[in-house]
Amino acid sequence: MAKIIEYFSETATEMLHRVTWPTWRELQSNTIIVVVASVLISLAIFVMDFAFGITGNNDSFWQGALGFIYKMF
């Protein structure tokens, strides 16, 4: 039981005194970077899905490159 108490005590000491937490300004700028990167990646995936994916409607003219290949087989 003593080892468990020591573990939690050392964990609390490390989290409070040894960890360097980001400032509010750093946190905001990093959050903006993550949001922008997420939007760009989701747009890239949307474009690839639109270009190469099947739209779900088999009667539509454009089904992407994969839709064309699937129709051949």
PDB file of N, CA and C in Angstrom:
ATOM      1  N   MET A   1       0.824  -1.198   0.000  1.00  0.00           N
ATOM      2  CA  MET A   1       0.000   0.000   0.000  1.00  0.00           C
ATOM      3  C   MET A   1       0.866   1.260   0.000  1.00  0.00           C
ATOM      4  N   ALA A   2       2.031   1.156   0.603  1.00  0.00           N
ATOM      5  CA  ALA A   2       2.908   2.313   0.693  1.00  0.00           C
ATOM      6  C   ALA A   2       3.428   2.728  -0.689  1.00  0.00           C
ATOM      7  N   LYS A   3       3.642   1.724  -1.567  1.00  0.00           N
ATOM      8  CA  LYS A   3       4.128   2.030  -2.905  1.00  0.00           C
ATOM      9  C   LYS A   3       3.069   2.774  -3.725  1.00  0.00           C
ATOM     10  N   ILE A   4       1.814   2.442  -3.516  1.00  0.00           N
ATOM     11  CA  ILE A   4       0.730   3.114  -4.235  1.00  0.00           C
ATOM     12  C   ILE A   4       0.635   4.575  -3.786  1.00  0.00           C
ATOM     13  N   ILE A   5       0.722   4.810  -2.492  1.00  0.00           N
ATOM     14  CA  ILE A   5       0.671   6.171  -1.959  1.00  0.00           C
ATOM     15  C   ILE A   5       1.880   6.967  -2.449  1.00  0.00           C
ATOM     16  N   GLU A   6       3.051   6.345  -2.463  1.00  0.00           N
ATOM     17  CA  GLU A   6       4.254   7.014  -2.951  1.00  0.00           C
ATOM     18  C   GLU A   6       4.115   7.357  -4.438  1.00  0.00           C
ATOM     19  N   TYR A   7       3.541   6.441  -5.213  1.00  0.00           N
ATOM     20  CA  TYR A   7       3.340   6.685  -6.639  1.00  0.00           C
ATOM     21  C   TYR A   7       2.476   7.927  -6.866  1.00  0.00           C
ATOM     22  N   PHE A   8       1.335   8.002  -6.175  1.00  0.00           N
ATOM     23  CA  PHE A   8       0.448   9.151  -6.340  1.00  0.00           C
ATOM     24  C   PHE A   8       1.083  10.441  -5.819  1.00  0.00           C
ATOM     25  N   SER A   9       1.848  10.344  -4.766  1.00  0.00           N
ATOM     26  CA  SER A   9       2.528  11.522  -4.232  1.00  0.00           C
ATOM     27  C   SER A   9       3.565  12.043  -5.223  1.00  0.00           C
ATOM     28  N   GLU A  10       4.358  11.152  -5.806  1.00  0.00           N
ATOM     29  CA  GLU A  10       5.357  11.562  -6.790  1.00  0.00           C
ATOM     30  C   GLU A  10       4.698  12.089  -8.066  1.00  0.00           C
ATOM     31  N   THR A  11       3.583  11.486  -8.449  1.00  0.00           N
ATOM     32  CA  THR A  11       2.863  11.962  -9.634  1.00  0.00           C
ATOM     33  C   THR A  11       2.358  13.381  -9.417  1.00  0.00           C
ATOM     34  N   ALA A  12       1.772  13.649  -8.270  1.00  0.00           N
ATOM     35  CA  ALA A  12       1.276  14.985  -7.965  1.00  0.00           C
ATOM     36  C   ALA A  12       2.417  15.995  -7.918  1.00  0.00           C
ATOM     37  N   THR A  13       3.537  15.626  -7.315  1.00  0.00           N
ATOM     38  CA  THR A  13       4.690  16.521  -7.248  1.00  0.00           C
ATOM     39  C   THR A  13       5.213  16.843  -8.638  1.00  0.00           C
ATOM     40  N   GLU A  14       5.310  15.830  -9.490  1.00  0.00           N
ATOM     41  CA  GLU A  14       5.810  16.058 -10.846  1.00  0.00           C
ATOM     42  C   GLU A  14       4.857  16.929 -11.656  1.00  0.00           C
ATOM     43  N   MET A  15       3.550  16.678 -11.541  1.00  0.00           N
ATOM     44  CA  MET A  15       2.579  17.461 -12.306  1.00  0.00           C
ATOM     45  C   MET A  15       2.526  18.914 -11.848  1.00  0.00           C
ATOM     46  N   LEU A  16       2.761  19.164 -10.585  1.00  0.00           N
ATOM     47  CA  LEU A  16       2.654  20.528 -10.061  1.00  0.00           C
ATOM     48  C   LEU A  16       3.954  21.317 -10.179  1.00  0.00           C
ATOM     49  N   HIS A  17       5.101  20.658 -10.064  1.00  0.00           N
ATOM     50  CA  HIS A  17       6.353  21.400  -9.947  1.00  0.00           C
ATOM     51  C   HIS A  17       7.341  21.174 -11.089  1.00  0.00           C
ATOM     52  N   ARG A  18       7.256  20.062 -11.788  1.00  0.00           N
ATOM     53  CA  ARG A  18       8.278  19.762 -12.792  1.00  0.00           C
ATOM     54  C   ARG A  18       7.780  19.888 -14.234  1.00  0.00           C
ATOM     55  N   VAL A  19       6.497  19.835 -14.433  1.00  0.00           N
ATOM     56  CA  VAL A  19       5.948  19.932 -15.782  1.00  0.00           C
ATOM     57  C   VAL A  19       5.855  21.398 -16.184  1.00  0.00           C
ATOM     58  N   THR A  20       6.272  21.698 -17.404  1.00  0.00           N
ATOM     59  CA  THR A  20       6.164  23.054 -17.931  1.00  0.00           C
ATOM     60  C   THR A  20       4.875  23.142 -18.738  1.00  0.00           C
ATOM     61  N   TRP A  21       3.920  23.872 -18.226  1.00  0.00           N
ATOM     62  CA  TRP A  21       2.638  24.001 -18.897  1.00  0.00           C
ATOM     63  C   TRP A  21       2.685  25.172 -19.874  1.00  0.00           C
ATOM     64  N   PRO A  22       1.969  25.067 -21.010  1.00  0.00           N
ATOM     65  CA  PRO A  22       1.981  26.180 -21.973  1.00  0.00           C
ATOM     66  C   PRO A  22       1.223  27.383 -21.416  1.00  0.00           C
ATOM     67  N   THR A  23       1.638  28.558 -21.893  1.00  0.00           N
ATOM     68  CA  THR A  23       0.911  29.765 -21.504  1.00  0.00           C
ATOM     69  C   THR A  23      -0.400  29.824 -22.279  1.00  0.00           C
ATOM     70  N   TRP A  24      -1.268  30.733 -21.867  1.00  0.00           N
ATOM     71  CA  TRP A  24      -2.567  30.873 -22.535  1.00  0.00           C
ATOM     72  C   TRP A  24      -2.377  31.279 -23.990  1.00  0.00           C
ATOM     73  N   ARG A  25      -1.426  32.157 -24.267  1.00  0.00           N
ATOM     74  CA  ARG A  25      -1.140  32.608 -25.634  1.00  0.00           C
ATOM     75  C   ARG A  25      -0.645  31.441 -26.496  1.00  0.00           C
ATOM     76  N   GLU A  26       0.268  30.626 -25.948  1.00  0.00           N
ATOM     77  CA  GLU A  26       0.763  29.456 -26.682  1.00  0.00           C
ATOM     78  C   GLU A  26      -0.357  28.462 -26.958  1.00  0.00           C
ATOM     79  N   LEU A  27      -1.217  28.274 -25.979  1.00  0.00           N
ATOM     80  CA  LEU A  27      -2.337  27.352 -26.137  1.00  0.00           C
ATOM     81  C   LEU A  27      -3.280  27.816 -27.235  1.00  0.00           C
ATOM     82  N   GLN A  28      -3.565  29.108 -27.277  1.00  0.00           N
ATOM     83  CA  GLN A  28      -4.437  29.645 -28.321  1.00  0.00           C
ATOM     84  C   GLN A  28      -3.815  29.501 -29.708  1.00  0.00           C
ATOM     85  N   SER A  29      -2.543  29.814 -29.846  1.00  0.00           N
ATOM     86  CA  SER A  29      -1.904  29.728 -31.167  1.00  0.00           C
ATOM     87  C   SER A  29      -1.808  28.279 -31.625  1.00  0.00           C
ATOM     88  N   ASN A  30      -1.510  27.363 -30.729  1.00  0.00           N
ATOM     89  CA  ASN A  30      -1.461  25.952 -31.103  1.00  0.00           C
ATOM     90  C   ASN A  30      -2.842  25.419 -31.472  1.00  0.00           C
ATOM     91  N   THR A  31      -3.871  25.898 -30.790  1.00  0.00           N
ATOM     92  CA  THR A  31      -5.233  25.485 -31.116  1.00  0.00           C
ATOM     93  C   THR A  31      -5.620  25.960 -32.511  1.00  0.00           C
ATOM     94  N   ILE A  32      -5.245  27.185 -32.847  1.00  0.00           N
ATOM     95  CA  ILE A  32      -5.543  27.714 -34.185  1.00  0.00           C
ATOM     96  C   ILE A  32      -4.831  26.882 -35.247  1.00  0.00           C
ATOM     97  N   ILE A  33      -3.588  26.514 -34.994  1.00  0.00           N
ATOM     98  CA  ILE A  33      -2.844  25.688 -35.942  1.00  0.00           C
ATOM     99  C   ILE A  33      -3.527  24.339 -36.145  1.00  0.00           C
ATOM    100  N   VAL A  34      -3.979  23.727 -35.069  1.00  0.00           N
ATOM    101  CA  VAL A  34      -4.648  22.425 -35.162  1.00  0.00           C
ATOM    102  C   VAL A  34      -5.964  22.544 -35.919  1.00  0.00           C
ATOM    103  N   VAL A  35      -6.734  23.594 -35.664  1.00  0.00           N
ATOM    104  CA  VAL A  35      -8.009  23.779 -36.354  1.00  0.00           C
ATOM    105  C   VAL A  35      -7.792  24.000 -37.851  1.00  0.00           C
ATOM    106  N   VAL A  36      -6.827  24.847 -38.209  1.00  0.00           N
ATOM    107  CA  VAL A  36      -6.547  25.102 -39.624  1.00  0.00           C
ATOM    108  C   VAL A  36      -6.068  23.832 -40.312  1.00  0.00           C
ATOM    109  N   ALA A  37      -5.174  23.086 -39.680  1.00  0.00           N
ATOM    110  CA  ALA A  37      -4.687  21.835 -40.263  1.00  0.00           C
ATOM    111  C   ALA A  37      -5.827  20.833 -40.424  1.00  0.00           C
ATOM    112  N   SER A  38      -6.728  20.759 -39.451  1.00  0.00           N
ATOM    113  CA  SER A  38      -7.859  19.839 -39.541  1.00  0.00           C
ATOM    114  C   SER A  38      -8.785  20.198 -40.697  1.00  0.00           C
ATOM    115  N   VAL A  39      -9.034  21.488 -40.882  1.00  0.00           N
ATOM    116  CA  VAL A  39      -9.887  21.924 -41.989  1.00  0.00           C
ATOM    117  C   VAL A  39      -9.227  21.606 -43.328  1.00  0.00           C
ATOM    118  N   LEU A  40      -7.929  21.886 -43.449  1.00  0.00           N
ATOM    119  CA  LEU A  40      -7.229  21.605 -44.707  1.00  0.00           C
ATOM    120  C   LEU A  40      -7.205  20.115 -45.022  1.00  0.00           C
ATOM    121  N   ILE A  41      -6.957  19.292 -44.039  1.00  0.00           N
ATOM    122  CA  ILE A  41      -6.942  17.845 -44.257  1.00  0.00           C
ATOM    123  C   ILE A  41      -8.327  17.338 -44.620  1.00  0.00           C
ATOM    124  N   SER A  42      -9.363  17.852 -43.952  1.00  0.00           N
ATOM    125  CA  SER A  42     -10.720  17.408 -44.283  1.00  0.00           C
ATOM    126  C   SER A  42     -11.118  17.856 -45.686  1.00  0.00           C
ATOM    127  N   LEU A  43     -10.676  19.042 -46.116  1.00  0.00           N
ATOM    128  CA  LEU A  43     -10.951  19.479 -47.490  1.00  0.00           C
ATOM    129  C   LEU A  43     -10.221  18.601 -48.505  1.00  0.00           C
ATOM    130  N   ALA A  44      -8.983  18.230 -48.201  1.00  0.00           N
ATOM    131  CA  ALA A  44      -8.234  17.349 -49.093  1.00  0.00           C
ATOM    132  C   ALA A  44      -8.921  15.989 -49.205  1.00  0.00           C
ATOM    133  N   ILE A  45      -9.400  15.459 -48.102  1.00  0.00           N
ATOM    134  CA  ILE A  45     -10.109  14.180 -48.126  1.00  0.00           C
ATOM    135  C   ILE A  45     -11.411  14.307 -48.905  1.00  0.00           C
ATOM    136  N   PHE A  46     -12.119  15.430 -48.747  1.00  0.00           N
ATOM    137  CA  PHE A  46     -13.354  15.650 -49.498  1.00  0.00           C
ATOM    138  C   PHE A  46     -13.086  15.678 -50.990  1.00  0.00           C
ATOM    139  N   VAL A  47     -12.033  16.395 -51.405  1.00  0.00           N
ATOM    140  CA  VAL A  47     -11.706  16.481 -52.828  1.00  0.00           C
ATOM    141  C   VAL A  47     -11.337  15.109 -53.380  1.00  0.00           C
ATOM    142  N   MET A  48     -10.527  14.346 -52.637  1.00  0.00           N
ATOM    143  CA  MET A  48     -10.164  13.002 -53.091  1.00  0.00           C
ATOM    144  C   MET A  48     -11.381  12.100 -53.156  1.00  0.00           C
ATOM    145  N   ASP A  49     -12.271  12.201 -52.180  1.00  0.00           N
ATOM    146  CA  ASP A  49     -13.471  11.386 -52.166  1.00  0.00           C
ATOM    147  C   ASP A  49     -14.381  11.752 -53.335  1.00  0.00           C
ATOM    148  N   PHE A  50     -14.475  13.035 -53.630  1.00  0.00           N
ATOM    149  CA  PHE A  50     -15.304  13.470 -54.743  1.00  0.00           C
ATOM    150  C   PHE A  50     -14.705  13.027 -56.074  1.00  0.00           C
ATOM    151  N   ALA A  51     -13.383  13.104 -56.194  1.00  0.00           N
ATOM    152  CA  ALA A  51     -12.726  12.760 -57.454  1.00  0.00           C
ATOM    153  C   ALA A  51     -12.674  11.257 -57.692  1.00  0.00           C
ATOM    154  N   PHE A  52     -12.433  10.489 -56.652  1.00  0.00           N
ATOM    155  CA  PHE A  52     -12.214   9.067 -56.832  1.00  0.00           C
ATOM    156  C   PHE A  52     -13.339   8.193 -56.291  1.00  0.00           C
ATOM    157  N   GLY A  53     -14.238   8.748 -55.541  1.00  0.00           N
ATOM    158  CA  GLY A  53     -15.247   7.940 -54.884  1.00  0.00           C
ATOM    159  C   GLY A  53     -16.554   7.891 -55.624  1.00  0.00           C
ATOM    160  N   ILE A  54     -17.359   6.954 -55.234  1.00  0.00           N
ATOM    161  CA  ILE A  54     -18.702   6.817 -55.785  1.00  0.00           C
ATOM    162  C   ILE A  54     -19.622   7.735 -54.995  1.00  0.00           C
ATOM    163  N   THR A  55     -20.475   8.479 -55.686  1.00  0.00           N
ATOM    164  CA  THR A  55     -21.329   9.452 -55.025  1.00  0.00           C
ATOM    165  C   THR A  55     -22.508   8.805 -54.314  1.00  0.00           C
ATOM    166  N   GLY A  56     -22.753   7.538 -54.532  1.00  0.00           N
ATOM    167  CA  GLY A  56     -23.868   6.858 -53.896  1.00  0.00           C
ATOM    168  C   GLY A  56     -25.065   6.742 -54.811  1.00  0.00           C
ATOM    169  N   ASN A  57     -25.169   7.621 -55.789  1.00  0.00           N
ATOM    170  CA  ASN A  57     -26.265   7.578 -56.743  1.00  0.00           C
ATOM    171  C   ASN A  57     -25.739   6.921 -58.020  1.00  0.00           C
ATOM    172  N   ASN A  58     -26.231   5.740 -58.331  1.00  0.00           N
ATOM    173  CA  ASN A  58     -25.741   5.004 -59.491  1.00  0.00           C
ATOM    174  C   ASN A  58     -26.186   5.628 -60.800  1.00  0.00           C
ATOM    175  N   ASP A  59     -27.192   6.488 -60.776  1.00  0.00           N
ATOM    176  CA  ASP A  59     -27.694   7.113 -61.995  1.00  0.00           C
ATOM    177  C   ASP A  59     -26.962   8.403 -62.333  1.00  0.00           C
ATOM    178  N   SER A  60     -26.091   8.875 -61.443  1.00  0.00           N
ATOM    179  CA  SER A  60     -25.426  10.147 -61.703  1.00  0.00           C
ATOM    180  C   SER A  60     -24.360   9.967 -62.784  1.00  0.00           C
ATOM    181  N   PHE A  61     -24.073  11.064 -63.475  1.00  0.00           N
ATOM    182  CA  PHE A  61     -23.093  11.030 -64.569  1.00  0.00           C
ATOM    183  C   PHE A  61     -21.680  10.800 -64.043  1.00  0.00           C
ATOM    184  N   TRP A  62     -21.278  11.539 -63.020  1.00  0.00           N
ATOM    185  CA  TRP A  62     -19.916  11.445 -62.504  1.00  0.00           C
ATOM    186  C   TRP A  62     -19.884  10.612 -61.240  1.00  0.00           C
ATOM    187  N   GLN A  63     -19.188   9.512 -61.297  1.00  0.00           N
ATOM    188  CA  GLN A  63     -19.032   8.671 -60.121  1.00  0.00           C
ATOM    189  C   GLN A  63     -17.578   8.553 -59.712  1.00  0.00           C
ATOM    190  N   GLY A  64     -16.738   9.353 -60.283  1.00  0.00           N
ATOM    191  CA  GLY A  64     -15.324   9.314 -59.936  1.00  0.00           C
ATOM    192  C   GLY A  64     -14.593   8.239 -60.710  1.00  0.00           C
ATOM    193  N   ALA A  65     -13.293   8.199 -60.535  1.00  0.00           N
ATOM    194  CA  ALA A  65     -12.482   7.224 -61.245  1.00  0.00           C
ATOM    195  C   ALA A  65     -12.801   5.813 -60.779  1.00  0.00           C
ATOM    196  N   LEU A  66     -13.000   5.614 -59.488  1.00  0.00           N
ATOM    197  CA  LEU A  66     -13.316   4.273 -58.999  1.00  0.00           C
ATOM    198  C   LEU A  66     -14.689   3.816 -59.475  1.00  0.00           C
ATOM    199  N   GLY A  67     -15.636   4.743 -59.550  1.00  0.00           N
ATOM    200  CA  GLY A  67     -16.953   4.374 -60.075  1.00  0.00           C
ATOM    201  C   GLY A  67     -16.875   3.918 -61.512  1.00  0.00           C
ATOM    202  N   PHE A  68     -16.033   4.554 -62.315  1.00  0.00           N
ATOM    203  CA  PHE A  68     -15.845   4.143 -63.696  1.00  0.00           C
ATOM    204  C   PHE A  68     -15.232   2.746 -63.760  1.00  0.00           C
ATOM    205  N   ILE A  69     -14.236   2.498 -62.909  1.00  0.00           N
ATOM    206  CA  ILE A  69     -13.580   1.172 -62.902  1.00  0.00           C
ATOM    207  C   ILE A  69     -14.557   0.106 -62.435  1.00  0.00           C
ATOM    208  N   TYR A  70     -15.378   0.408 -61.416  1.00  0.00           N
ATOM    209  CA  TYR A  70     -16.338  -0.577 -60.921  1.00  0.00           C
ATOM    210  C   TYR A  70     -17.380  -0.913 -61.970  1.00  0.00           C
ATOM    211  N   LYS A  71     -17.757   0.056 -62.787  1.00  0.00           N
ATOM    212  CA  LYS A  71     -18.751  -0.207 -63.833  1.00  0.00           C
ATOM    213  C   LYS A  71     -18.191  -1.153 -64.905  1.00  0.00           C
ATOM    214  N   MET A  72     -16.853  -1.097 -65.110  1.00  0.00           N
ATOM    215  CA  MET A  72     -16.242  -1.949 -66.122  1.00  0.00           C
ATOM    216  C   MET A  72     -16.304  -3.414 -65.727  1.00  0.00           C
ATOM    217  N   PHE A  73     -16.343  -3.710 -64.442  1.00  0.00           N
ATOM    218  CA  PHE A  73     -16.343  -5.091 -63.980  1.00  0.00           C
ATOM    219  C   PHE A  73     -17.698  -5.457 -63.567  1.00  0.00           C
TER     220      PHE A  73
END
